[in-house]
C-alpha atoms as a PDB file:
ATOM      1  CA  MET A   1     154.821  58.002 149.773  1.00  0.00           C
ATOM      2  CA  ALA A   2     156.902  55.626 152.343  1.00  0.00           C
ATOM      3  CA  PRO A   3     156.587  55.945 155.939  1.00  0.00           C
ATOM      4  CA  ARG A   4     160.138  57.401 157.397  1.00  0.00           C
ATOM      5  CA  PRO A   5     161.949  55.474 160.008  1.00  0.00           C
ATOM      6  CA  ILE A   6     161.673  57.015 163.723  1.00  0.00           C
ATOM      7  CA  TRP A   7     165.363  55.605 164.458  1.00  0.00           C
ATOM      8  CA  LYS A   8     168.071  53.325 162.870  1.00  0.00           C
ATOM      9  CA  GLY A   9     170.723  51.839 164.077  1.00  0.00           C
ATOM     10  CA  TYR A  10     171.846  47.965 164.822  1.00  0.00           C
ATOM     11  CA  LEU A  11     170.119  44.783 166.361  1.00  0.00           C
ATOM     12  CA  LYS A  12     172.808  43.082 168.630  1.00  0.00           C
ATOM     13  CA  LEU A  13     172.196  39.626 169.895  1.00  0.00           C
ATOM     14  CA  SER A  14     175.567  38.480 171.333  1.00  0.00           C
ATOM     15  CA  LEU A  15     178.186  38.898 168.337  1.00  0.00           C
ATOM     16  CA  VAL A  16     175.594  38.455 165.870  1.00  0.00           C
ATOM     17  CA  SER A  17     174.508  42.050 164.871  1.00  0.00           C
ATOM     18  CA  CYS A  18     172.199  43.476 161.894  1.00  0.00           C
ATOM     19  CA  ALA A  19     171.221  46.802 160.552  1.00  0.00           C
ATOM     20  CA  VAL A  20     167.826  47.365 161.205  1.00  0.00           C
ATOM     21  CA  ALA A  21     164.996  50.476 161.001  1.00  0.00           C
ATOM     22  CA  MET A  22     162.007  51.409 163.260  1.00  0.00           C
ATOM     23  CA  TYR A  23     158.750  52.593 162.710  1.00  0.00           C
ATOM     24  CA  THR A  24     156.028  53.492 164.875  1.00  0.00           C
ATOM     25  CA  ALA A  25     153.008  50.892 164.508  1.00  0.00           C
ATOM     26  CA  THR A  26     150.493  52.624 165.599  1.00  0.00           C
ATOM     27  CA  SER A  27     149.002  56.392 164.040  1.00  0.00           C
ATOM     28  CA  THR A  28     146.733  58.440 165.627  1.00  0.00           C
ATOM     29  CA  ALA A  29     147.020  60.679 162.028  1.00  0.00           C
ATOM     30  CA  SER A  30     143.324  59.548 161.018  1.00  0.00           C
ATOM     31  CA  ARG A  31     141.693  61.543 164.434  1.00  0.00           C
ATOM     32  CA  VAL A  32     139.787  65.076 163.999  1.00  0.00           C
ATOM     33  CA  ARG A  33     141.970  67.486 164.330  1.00  0.00           C
ATOM     34  CA  LEU A  34     140.479  70.411 166.688  1.00  0.00           C
ATOM     35  CA  HIS A  35     142.110  73.574 166.331  1.00  0.00           C
ATOM     36  CA  VAL A  36     141.573  76.844 168.951  1.00  0.00           C
ATOM     37  CA  ILE A  37     139.816  79.637 167.109  1.00  0.00           C
ATOM     38  CA  ASN A  38     139.116  83.408 167.770  1.00  0.00           C
ATOM     39  CA  ARG A  39     135.673  83.731 167.811  1.00  0.00           C
ATOM     40  CA  GLU A  40     135.187  87.834 167.080  1.00  0.00           C
ATOM     41  CA  THR A  41     138.047  87.242 163.649  1.00  0.00           C
ATOM     42  CA  GLY A  42     137.312  83.322 162.839  1.00  0.00           C
ATOM     43  CA  ASN A  43     140.957  83.177 162.328  1.00  0.00           C
ATOM     44  CA  ARG A  44     143.297  80.324 163.889  1.00  0.00           C
ATOM     45  CA  ILE A  45     145.450  81.488 167.472  1.00  0.00           C
ATOM     46  CA  ARG A  46     149.465  80.943 167.113  1.00  0.00           C
ATOM     47  CA  ASN A  47     150.742  79.804 170.253  1.00  0.00           C
ATOM     48  CA  GLN A  48     153.541  82.125 171.546  1.00  0.00           C
ATOM     49  CA  ALA A  49     156.137  81.663 173.926  1.00  0.00           C
ATOM     50  CA  ILE A  50     155.999  84.066 177.068  1.00  0.00           C
ATOM     51  CA  ASP A  51     158.871  84.536 179.559  1.00  0.00           C
ATOM     52  CA  ALA A  52     156.806  83.980 182.986  1.00  0.00           C
ATOM     53  CA  GLU A  53     158.513  86.748 185.076  1.00  0.00           C
ATOM     54  CA  THR A  54     158.797  89.338 182.751  1.00  0.00           C
ATOM     55  CA  GLY A  55     156.119  88.512 180.360  1.00  0.00           C
ATOM     56  CA  ASP A  56     157.738  89.283 177.024  1.00  0.00           C
ATOM     57  CA  VAL A  57     157.480  87.186 173.779  1.00  0.00           C
ATOM     58  CA  VAL A  58     160.133  84.503 173.584  1.00  0.00           C
ATOM     59  CA  GLU A  59     161.849  84.312 170.360  1.00  0.00           C
ATOM     60  CA  HIS A  60     162.477  80.577 168.946  1.00  0.00           C
ATOM     61  CA  GLU A  61     167.114  80.934 168.699  1.00  0.00           C
ATOM     62  CA  ASP A  62     165.532  82.687 172.572  1.00  0.00           C
ATOM     63  CA  LYS A  63     164.681  79.366 173.835  1.00  0.00           C
ATOM     64  CA  VAL A  64     166.944  76.646 175.842  1.00  0.00           C
ATOM     65  CA  LYS A  65     166.529  73.501 177.569  1.00  0.00           C
ATOM     66  CA  GLY A  66     167.018  73.858 181.867  1.00  0.00           C
ATOM     67  CA  PHE A  67     167.009  71.776 184.855  1.00  0.00           C
ATOM     68  CA  GLU A  68     165.115  73.483 187.743  1.00  0.00           C
ATOM     69  CA  ALA A  69     167.935  72.248 191.043  1.00  0.00           C
ATOM     70  CA  ASP A  70     167.001  72.511 194.767  1.00  0.00           C
ATOM     71  CA  ASP A  71     168.197  76.479 194.984  1.00  0.00           C
ATOM     72  CA  GLY A  72     165.420  77.615 191.829  1.00  0.00           C
ATOM     73  CA  ASN A  73     167.692  78.081 189.698  1.00  0.00           C
ATOM     74  CA  TYR A  74     168.227  76.590 186.309  1.00  0.00           C
ATOM     75  CA  VAL A  75     170.836  74.477 184.897  1.00  0.00           C
ATOM     76  CA  LEU A  76     171.019  75.543 181.262  1.00  0.00           C
ATOM     77  CA  LEU A  77     171.857  72.503 178.669  1.00  0.00           C
ATOM     78  CA  GLU A  78     172.792  73.467 175.095  1.00  0.00           C
ATOM     79  CA  GLU A  79     171.508  71.549 172.361  1.00  0.00           C
ATOM     80  CA  ASP A  80     174.560  69.959 172.232  1.00  0.00           C
ATOM     81  CA  GLU A  81     175.245  69.176 174.580  1.00  0.00           C
ATOM     82  CA  LEU A  82     172.675  67.078 175.359  1.00  0.00           C
ATOM     83  CA  ASP A  83     173.705  65.343 171.804  1.00  0.00           C
ATOM     84  CA  ASP A  84     176.820  64.542 173.818  1.00  0.00           C
ATOM     85  CA  VAL A  85     175.368  62.399 176.131  1.00  0.00           C
ATOM     86  CA  ALA A  86     176.648  59.107 174.425  1.00  0.00           C
ATOM     87  CA  LEU A  87     174.609  55.804 175.602  1.00  0.00           C
ATOM     88  CA  ALA A  88     175.760  52.630 173.932  1.00  0.00           C
ATOM     89  CA  SER A  89     172.041  52.548 173.312  1.00  0.00           C
ATOM     90  CA  THR A  90     171.786  55.284 171.220  1.00  0.00           C
ATOM     91  CA  HIS A  91     172.873  53.398 167.702  1.00  0.00           C
ATOM     92  CA  THR A  92     172.446  49.708 168.977  1.00  0.00           C
ATOM     93  CA  ILE A  93     169.697  47.800 170.717  1.00  0.00           C
ATOM     94  CA  ASP A  94     171.435  44.996 172.572  1.00  0.00           C
ATOM     95  CA  ILE A  95     169.326  42.221 173.398  1.00  0.00           C
ATOM     96  CA  GLU A  96     170.181  41.984 177.201  1.00  0.00           C
ATOM     97  CA  GLU A  97     168.004  38.553 178.098  1.00  0.00           C
ATOM     98  CA  PHE A  98     165.290  36.872 176.868  1.00  0.00           C
ATOM     99  CA  VAL A  99     161.963  35.543 179.066  1.00  0.00           C
ATOM    100  CA  PRO A 100     158.636  34.367 178.504  1.00  0.00           C
ATOM    101  CA  ARG A 101     156.178  36.223 176.929  1.00  0.00           C
ATOM    102  CA  GLU A 102     153.810  35.830 179.950  1.00  0.00           C
ATOM    103  CA  ASP A 103     156.693  37.249 182.679  1.00  0.00           C
ATOM    104  CA  VAL A 104     155.861  40.604 180.909  1.00  0.00           C
ATOM    105  CA  ASP A 105     152.963  41.967 182.915  1.00  0.00           C
ATOM    106  CA  GLU A 106     150.498  43.953 180.256  1.00  0.00           C
ATOM    107  CA  ILE A 107     150.547  46.895 182.607  1.00  0.00           C
ATOM    108  CA  TYR A 108     154.566  48.014 181.564  1.00  0.00           C
ATOM    109  CA  LEU A 109     153.378  48.309 178.087  1.00  0.00           C
ATOM    110  CA  ASP A 110     153.450  51.220 175.824  1.00  0.00           C
ATOM    111  CA  GLU A 111     153.451  51.821 172.695  1.00  0.00           C
ATOM    112  CA  SER A 112     154.795  49.705 169.786  1.00  0.00           C
ATOM    113  CA  PHE A 113     157.296  49.679 166.681  1.00  0.00           C
ATOM    114  CA  TYR A 114     157.985  47.752 163.944  1.00  0.00           C
ATOM    115  CA  LEU A 115     161.155  46.705 163.673  1.00  0.00           C
ATOM    116  CA  VAL A 116     162.632  45.455 160.006  1.00  0.00           C
ATOM    117  CA  PRO A 117     166.171  44.878 158.540  1.00  0.00           C
ATOM    118  CA  SER A 118     167.453  48.108 156.466  1.00  0.00           C
ATOM    119  CA  GLU A 119     169.969  46.429 154.234  1.00  0.00           C
ATOM    120  CA  GLU A 120     169.950  43.400 152.208  1.00  0.00           C
ATOM    121  CA  VAL A 121     172.593  42.019 154.150  1.00  0.00           C
ATOM    122  CA  ALA A 122     171.039  42.104 157.444  1.00  0.00           C
ATOM    123  CA  TYR A 123     168.534  39.885 156.251  1.00  0.00           C
ATOM    124  CA  GLU A 124     170.295  36.437 157.183  1.00  0.00           C
ATOM    125  CA  ALA A 125     171.193  37.537 160.324  1.00  0.00           C
ATOM    126  CA  PHE A 126     167.694  39.034 161.260  1.00  0.00           C
ATOM    127  CA  ALA A 127     165.753  35.831 160.180  1.00  0.00           C
ATOM    128  CA  VAL A 128     167.805  34.228 162.362  1.00  0.00           C
ATOM    129  CA  ILE A 129     167.066  36.146 165.897  1.00  0.00           C
ATOM    130  CA  ARG A 130     163.604  36.157 164.850  1.00  0.00           C
ATOM    131  CA  GLU A 131     162.804  32.685 163.892  1.00  0.00           C
ATOM    132  CA  ALA A 132     164.910  31.773 167.610  1.00  0.00           C
ATOM    133  CA  MET A 133     162.527  33.634 169.383  1.00  0.00           C
ATOM    134  CA  LYS A 134     159.636  32.251 168.079  1.00  0.00           C
ATOM    135  CA  LYS A 135     160.586  28.888 168.432  1.00  0.00           C
ATOM    136  CA  LYS A 136     161.448  29.228 171.920  1.00  0.00           C
ATOM    137  CA  GLY A 137     158.346  31.293 172.701  1.00  0.00           C
ATOM    138  CA  TRP A 138     160.238  34.390 174.226  1.00  0.00           C
ATOM    139  CA  VAL A 139     160.374  37.399 173.945  1.00  0.00           C
ATOM    140  CA  GLY A 140     163.972  39.598 173.946  1.00  0.00           C
ATOM    141  CA  LEU A 141     165.050  42.819 176.274  1.00  0.00           C
ATOM    142  CA  GLY A 142     167.067  45.538 175.067  1.00  0.00           C
ATOM    143  CA  ARG A 143     167.510  49.389 175.088  1.00  0.00           C
ATOM    144  CA  VAL A 144     167.355  52.075 172.535  1.00  0.00           C
ATOM    145  CA  VAL A 145     167.789  55.985 172.646  1.00  0.00           C
ATOM    146  CA  THR A 146     164.894  57.736 170.787  1.00  0.00           C
ATOM    147  CA  HIS A 147     164.338  61.438 171.124  1.00  0.00           C
ATOM    148  CA  ARG A 148     167.168  61.264 173.509  1.00  0.00           C
ATOM    149  CA  ARG A 149     165.466  58.683 176.205  1.00  0.00           C
ATOM    150  CA  GLU A 150     166.374  55.636 176.560  1.00  0.00           C
ATOM    151  CA  ARG A 151     163.635  53.481 176.510  1.00  0.00           C
ATOM    152  CA  LEU A 152     163.250  49.746 177.394  1.00  0.00           C
ATOM    153  CA  LEU A 153     162.248  47.564 174.349  1.00  0.00           C
ATOM    154  CA  MET A 154     160.371  44.015 174.810  1.00  0.00           C
ATOM    155  CA  LEU A 155     161.154  42.104 171.402  1.00  0.00           C
ATOM    156  CA  GLN A 156     158.724  39.298 169.735  1.00  0.00           C
ATOM    157  CA  SER A 157     158.426  37.716 166.680  1.00  0.00           C
ATOM    158  CA  ARG A 158     155.628  39.055 164.368  1.00  0.00           C
ATOM    159  CA  GLY A 159     155.322  37.566 160.795  1.00  0.00           C
ATOM    160  CA  LYS A 160     158.106  38.080 158.638  1.00  0.00           C
ATOM    161  CA  GLY A 161     159.595  40.823 161.157  1.00  0.00           C
ATOM    162  CA  ILE A 162     159.856  42.178 164.773  1.00  0.00           C
ATOM    163  CA  VAL A 163     157.743  44.251 166.987  1.00  0.00           C
ATOM    164  CA  ALA A 164     159.227  46.285 169.266  1.00  0.00           C
ATOM    165  CA  THR A 165     157.509  47.201 172.369  1.00  0.00           C
ATOM    166  CA  ALA A 166     158.177  49.940 174.774  1.00  0.00           C
ATOM    167  CA  LEU A 167     158.215  49.082 178.113  1.00  0.00           C
ATOM    168  CA  ARG A 168     157.827  51.214 181.425  1.00  0.00           C
ATOM    169  CA  PHE A 169     160.552  51.764 184.144  1.00  0.00           C
ATOM    170  CA  LYS A 170     159.444  50.610 187.474  1.00  0.00           C
ATOM    171  CA  ASN A 171     159.316  54.031 189.180  1.00  0.00           C
ATOM    172  CA  GLU A 172     156.598  55.054 186.147  1.00  0.00           C
ATOM    173  CA  VAL A 173     154.051  51.995 187.581  1.00  0.00           C
ATOM    174  CA  ARG A 174     152.242  53.198 190.132  1.00  0.00           C
ATOM    175  CA  ASP A 175     151.800  50.933 193.016  1.00  0.00           C
ATOM    176  CA  GLU A 176     148.731  48.489 193.198  1.00  0.00           C
ATOM    177  CA  ARG A 177     148.573  47.951 196.543  1.00  0.00           C
ATOM    178  CA  GLU A 178     147.642  51.632 197.256  1.00  0.00           C
ATOM    179  CA  TYR A 179     144.496  51.870 195.208  1.00  0.00           C
ATOM    180  CA  PHE A 180     143.489  48.438 196.255  1.00  0.00           C
ATOM    181  CA  ASP A 181     144.032  47.823 200.003  1.00  0.00           C
ATOM    182  CA  ASP A 182     140.860  49.949 200.572  1.00  0.00           C
ATOM    183  CA  VAL A 183     139.033  47.449 198.593  1.00  0.00           C
ATOM    184  CA  PRO A 184     137.049  45.084 200.912  1.00  0.00           C
ATOM    185  CA  ASN A 185     137.412  41.381 200.657  1.00  0.00           C
ATOM    186  CA  VAL A 186     133.395  40.812 199.786  1.00  0.00           C
ATOM    187  CA  LYS A 187     132.535  36.959 199.977  1.00  0.00           C
ATOM    188  CA  VAL A 188     130.667  36.672 196.849  1.00  0.00           C
ATOM    189  CA  PRO A 189     127.749  33.137 196.467  1.00  0.00           C
ATOM    190  CA  PRO A 190     128.521  30.710 194.170  1.00  0.00           C
ATOM    191  CA  ASP A 191     125.167  30.970 192.682  1.00  0.00           C
ATOM    192  CA  MET A 192     125.819  34.599 191.774  1.00  0.00           C
ATOM    193  CA  VAL A 193     129.491  33.780 190.294  1.00  0.00           C
ATOM    194  CA  LYS A 194     127.787  30.907 188.443  1.00  0.00           C
ATOM    195  CA  LEU A 195     125.198  32.915 186.701  1.00  0.00           C
ATOM    196  CA  ALA A 196     127.921  35.626 185.656  1.00  0.00           C
ATOM    197  CA  GLU A 197     129.562  32.818 184.365  1.00  0.00           C
ATOM    198  CA  HIS A 198     127.174  31.985 182.147  1.00  0.00           C
ATOM    199  CA  ILE A 199     127.214  35.423 180.759  1.00  0.00           C
ATOM    200  CA  LEU A 200     130.533  35.714 180.272  1.00  0.00           C
ATOM    201  CA  GLU A 201     130.217  32.760 178.088  1.00  0.00           C
ATOM    202  CA  GLN A 202     126.939  34.157 176.104  1.00  0.00           C
ATOM    203  CA  LYS A 203     129.347  36.864 175.199  1.00  0.00           C
ATOM    204  CA  LYS A 204     132.451  34.894 174.382  1.00  0.00           C
ATOM    205  CA  GLY A 205     134.072  35.947 170.727  1.00  0.00           C
ATOM    206  CA  HIS A 206     137.330  36.667 169.329  1.00  0.00           C
ATOM    207  CA  PHE A 207     138.838  40.092 169.366  1.00  0.00           C
ATOM    208  CA  ASP A 208     138.157  41.314 166.118  1.00  0.00           C
ATOM    209  CA  PRO A 209     139.317  45.476 165.735  1.00  0.00           C
ATOM    210  CA  ASP A 210     137.014  45.834 162.987  1.00  0.00           C
ATOM    211  CA  LYS A 211     134.014  45.630 165.014  1.00  0.00           C
ATOM    212  CA  PHE A 212     134.662  47.976 167.150  1.00  0.00           C
ATOM    213  CA  ASP A 213     134.176  51.453 165.763  1.00  0.00           C
ATOM    214  CA  ASP A 214     135.434  54.688 167.431  1.00  0.00           C
ATOM    215  CA  ARG A 215     132.116  55.894 168.442  1.00  0.00           C
ATOM    216  CA  TYR A 216     133.218  59.345 170.006  1.00  0.00           C
ATOM    217  CA  GLU A 217     134.831  60.017 166.177  1.00  0.00           C
ATOM    218  CA  ASP A 218     131.525  59.498 164.552  1.00  0.00           C
ATOM    219  CA  ALA A 219     129.614  61.736 166.411  1.00  0.00           C
ATOM    220  CA  LEU A 220     131.846  64.071 166.216  1.00  0.00           C
ATOM    221  CA  ARG A 221     132.163  64.358 162.642  1.00  0.00           C
ATOM    222  CA  ALA A 222     128.503  64.105 162.841  1.00  0.00           C
ATOM    223  CA  LEU A 223     128.333  67.276 164.336  1.00  0.00           C
ATOM    224  CA  ILE A 224     131.033  68.854 161.961  1.00  0.00           C
ATOM    225  CA  LYS A 225     128.946  68.007 158.951  1.00  0.00           C
ATOM    226  CA  ALA A 226     125.532  69.111 160.486  1.00  0.00           C
ATOM    227  CA  LYS A 227     127.343  72.385 161.335  1.00  0.00           C
ATOM    228  CA  LYS A 228     128.713  72.697 158.327  1.00  0.00           C
ATOM    229  CA  ALA A 229     125.872  72.043 156.396  1.00  0.00           C
ATOM    230  CA  GLY A 230     123.554  74.586 158.526  1.00  0.00           C
ATOM    231  CA  LYS A 231     121.591  71.695 160.101  1.00  0.00           C
ATOM    232  CA  ALA A 232     120.869  71.565 164.282  1.00  0.00           C
ATOM    233  CA  PRO A 233     123.326  69.367 165.846  1.00  0.00           C
ATOM    234  CA  PRO A 234     122.343  65.700 165.842  1.00  0.00           C
ATOM    235  CA  ALA A 235     120.508  64.914 169.358  1.00  0.00           C
ATOM    236  CA  LEU A 236     122.138  62.481 171.358  1.00  0.00           C
ATOM    237  CA  SER A 237     120.271  60.255 173.846  1.00  0.00           C
ATOM    238  CA  ALA A 238     122.953  59.261 176.827  1.00  0.00           C
ATOM    239  CA  PRO A 239     121.657  55.189 177.925  1.00  0.00           C
ATOM    240  CA  LYS A 240     119.989  55.637 181.715  1.00  0.00           C
ATOM    241  CA  PRO A 241     121.889  53.152 184.337  1.00  0.00           C
ATOM    242  CA  ASP A 242     119.554  50.645 185.418  1.00  0.00           C
ATOM    243  CA  ASN A 243     118.489  50.857 189.594  1.00  0.00           C
ATOM    244  CA  VAL A 244     119.733  47.757 190.711  1.00  0.00           C
ATOM    245  CA  ILE A 245     117.941  46.804 193.759  1.00  0.00           C
ATOM    246  CA  ASN A 246     118.848  43.087 193.940  1.00  0.00           C
ATOM    247  CA  LEU A 247     122.208  41.487 192.105  1.00  0.00           C
ATOM    248  CA  MET A 248     121.022  38.233 191.705  1.00  0.00           C
ATOM    249  CA  ASP A 249     117.505  39.485 189.784  1.00  0.00           C
ATOM    250  CA  ALA A 250     119.604  41.405 188.003  1.00  0.00           C
ATOM    251  CA  LEU A 251     122.190  38.464 186.746  1.00  0.00           C
ATOM    252  CA  ARG A 252     118.806  36.645 186.378  1.00  0.00           C
ATOM    253  CA  ARG A 253     117.377  39.200 183.803  1.00  0.00           C
ATOM    254  CA  SER A 254     121.059  39.719 181.792  1.00  0.00           C
ATOM    255  CA  VAL A 255     121.140  35.543 181.090  1.00  0.00           C
ATOM    256  CA  GLY A 256     118.029  35.970 180.061  1.00  0.00           C
ATOM    257  CA  GLU A 257     118.630  39.332 177.654  1.00  0.00           C
ATOM    258  CA  GLU A 258     121.670  37.653 176.574  1.00  0.00           C
ATOM    259  CA  LYS A 259     119.391  34.355 175.357  1.00  0.00           C
ATOM    260  CA  GLY A 260     117.174  37.179 173.702  1.00  0.00           C
ATOM    261  CA  GLY A 261     114.617  36.166 170.956  1.00  0.00           C
ATOM    262  CA  ARG A 262     116.477  32.644 169.941  1.00  0.00           C
ATOM    263  CA  GLY A 263     115.688  31.491 173.821  1.00  0.00           C
ATOM    264  CA  SER A 264     112.096  32.025 173.443  1.00  0.00           C
ATOM    265  CA  ARG A 265     111.646  31.154 169.690  1.00  0.00           C
ATOM    266  CA  HIS A 266     113.581  27.828 170.784  1.00  0.00           C
ATOM    267  CA  ALA A 267     110.558  27.652 173.912  1.00  0.00           C
ATOM    268  CA  LYS A 268     107.894  28.238 171.296  1.00  0.00           C
ATOM    269  CA  SER A 269     109.193  25.178 168.720  1.00  0.00           C
ATOM    270  CA  SER A 270     109.348  22.956 171.492  1.00  0.00           C
ATOM    271  CA  ARG A 271     105.855  23.256 172.641  1.00  0.00           C
ATOM    272  CA  ARG A 272     104.529  22.761 169.320  1.00  0.00           C
ATOM    273  CA  ARG A 273     106.158  20.064 168.351  1.00  0.00           C
ATOM    274  CA  THR A 274     105.103  18.692 171.820  1.00  0.00           C
ATOM    275  CA  SER A 275     101.565  19.572 171.453  1.00  0.00           C
ATOM    276  CA  GLY A 276     101.943  17.960 167.627  1.00  0.00           C
ATOM    277  CA  ALA A 277     103.159  14.777 169.153  1.00  0.00           C
ATOM    278  CA  LYS A 278     100.282  14.480 171.760  1.00  0.00           C
ATOM    279  CA  LYS A 279      97.454  15.328 168.974  1.00  0.00           C
ATOM    280  CA  THR A 280      98.946  12.640 166.727  1.00  0.00           C
ATOM    281  CA  ALA A 281      98.959  10.140 169.793  1.00  0.00           C
ATOM    282  CA  ARG A 282      95.245  11.066 170.305  1.00  0.00           C
ATOM    283  CA  HIS A 283      94.826  10.790 166.726  1.00  0.00           C
ATOM    284  CA  LYS A 284      96.062   7.086 166.834  1.00  0.00           C
ATOM    285  CA  ARG A 285      94.100   6.166 170.008  1.00  0.00           C
ATOM    286  CA  LEU A 286      91.157   6.852 168.445  1.00  0.00           C
ATOM    287  CA  LYS A 287      91.811   5.513 165.208  1.00  0.00           C
ATOM    288  CA  LYS A 288      92.718   1.748 167.152  1.00  0.00           C
ATOM    289  CA  ALA A 289      89.529   2.654 169.174  1.00  0.00           C
ATOM    290  CA  SER A 290      87.144   2.684 166.352  1.00  0.00           C
END
């Protein structure tokens, strides 16, 4: 079954617009889902809405959203009233400005979506916007309303489509100074940094998501499989951290471990070649003497 878009509307750049559909780019559907079970009966537990004051069960039709005012009373908001809060971004993503990608701090990035043209007549306009951003290396900033919330989007060309990444608003990002200001300024010896850089170089690679499995999910599935078969849960040993006494020694040991057997084999091979060369030279000298 083809995925359903979470939003349909128009992508607008100045006087150019095209019909688009937005799909979630990520999914957690493959994660193990756990339910809350009644231990006595083995049945699932159903959650109910309870009135906080009376303790009575509240039926679905009696639920309504409300905002708590300063006096402790609630301002009730009906569904149709919420729908009538009209914003231009409800049906249109209007690209307000373009910025270099490196200008957008990674900490503001939230979930991502795929944006594709939803009508054949939209293909050309969509491609023009996509290719212009790709050539300039810029990303577009616009807004959209999903689930009755306006969200800021970063639009970036990707393949034949556009990735729309939701950005957190300024008031959603905590001030780093509240956490980092108490970290003391430590003068690190240059030779320690050099050793650490050497370890980094030895661990250098390319990001490949296939190399990183969800080990918790794997362990959870193994536990479920064992219990289902009536076997004892698999024993997992947690690695114990080393008690680092001397940071420089730990860095040197780390360099040695990263080199691994390859370095040792290389050293042994070098020693064998040197020893062989010495034997050959000694044999030639004896031959000349005779």
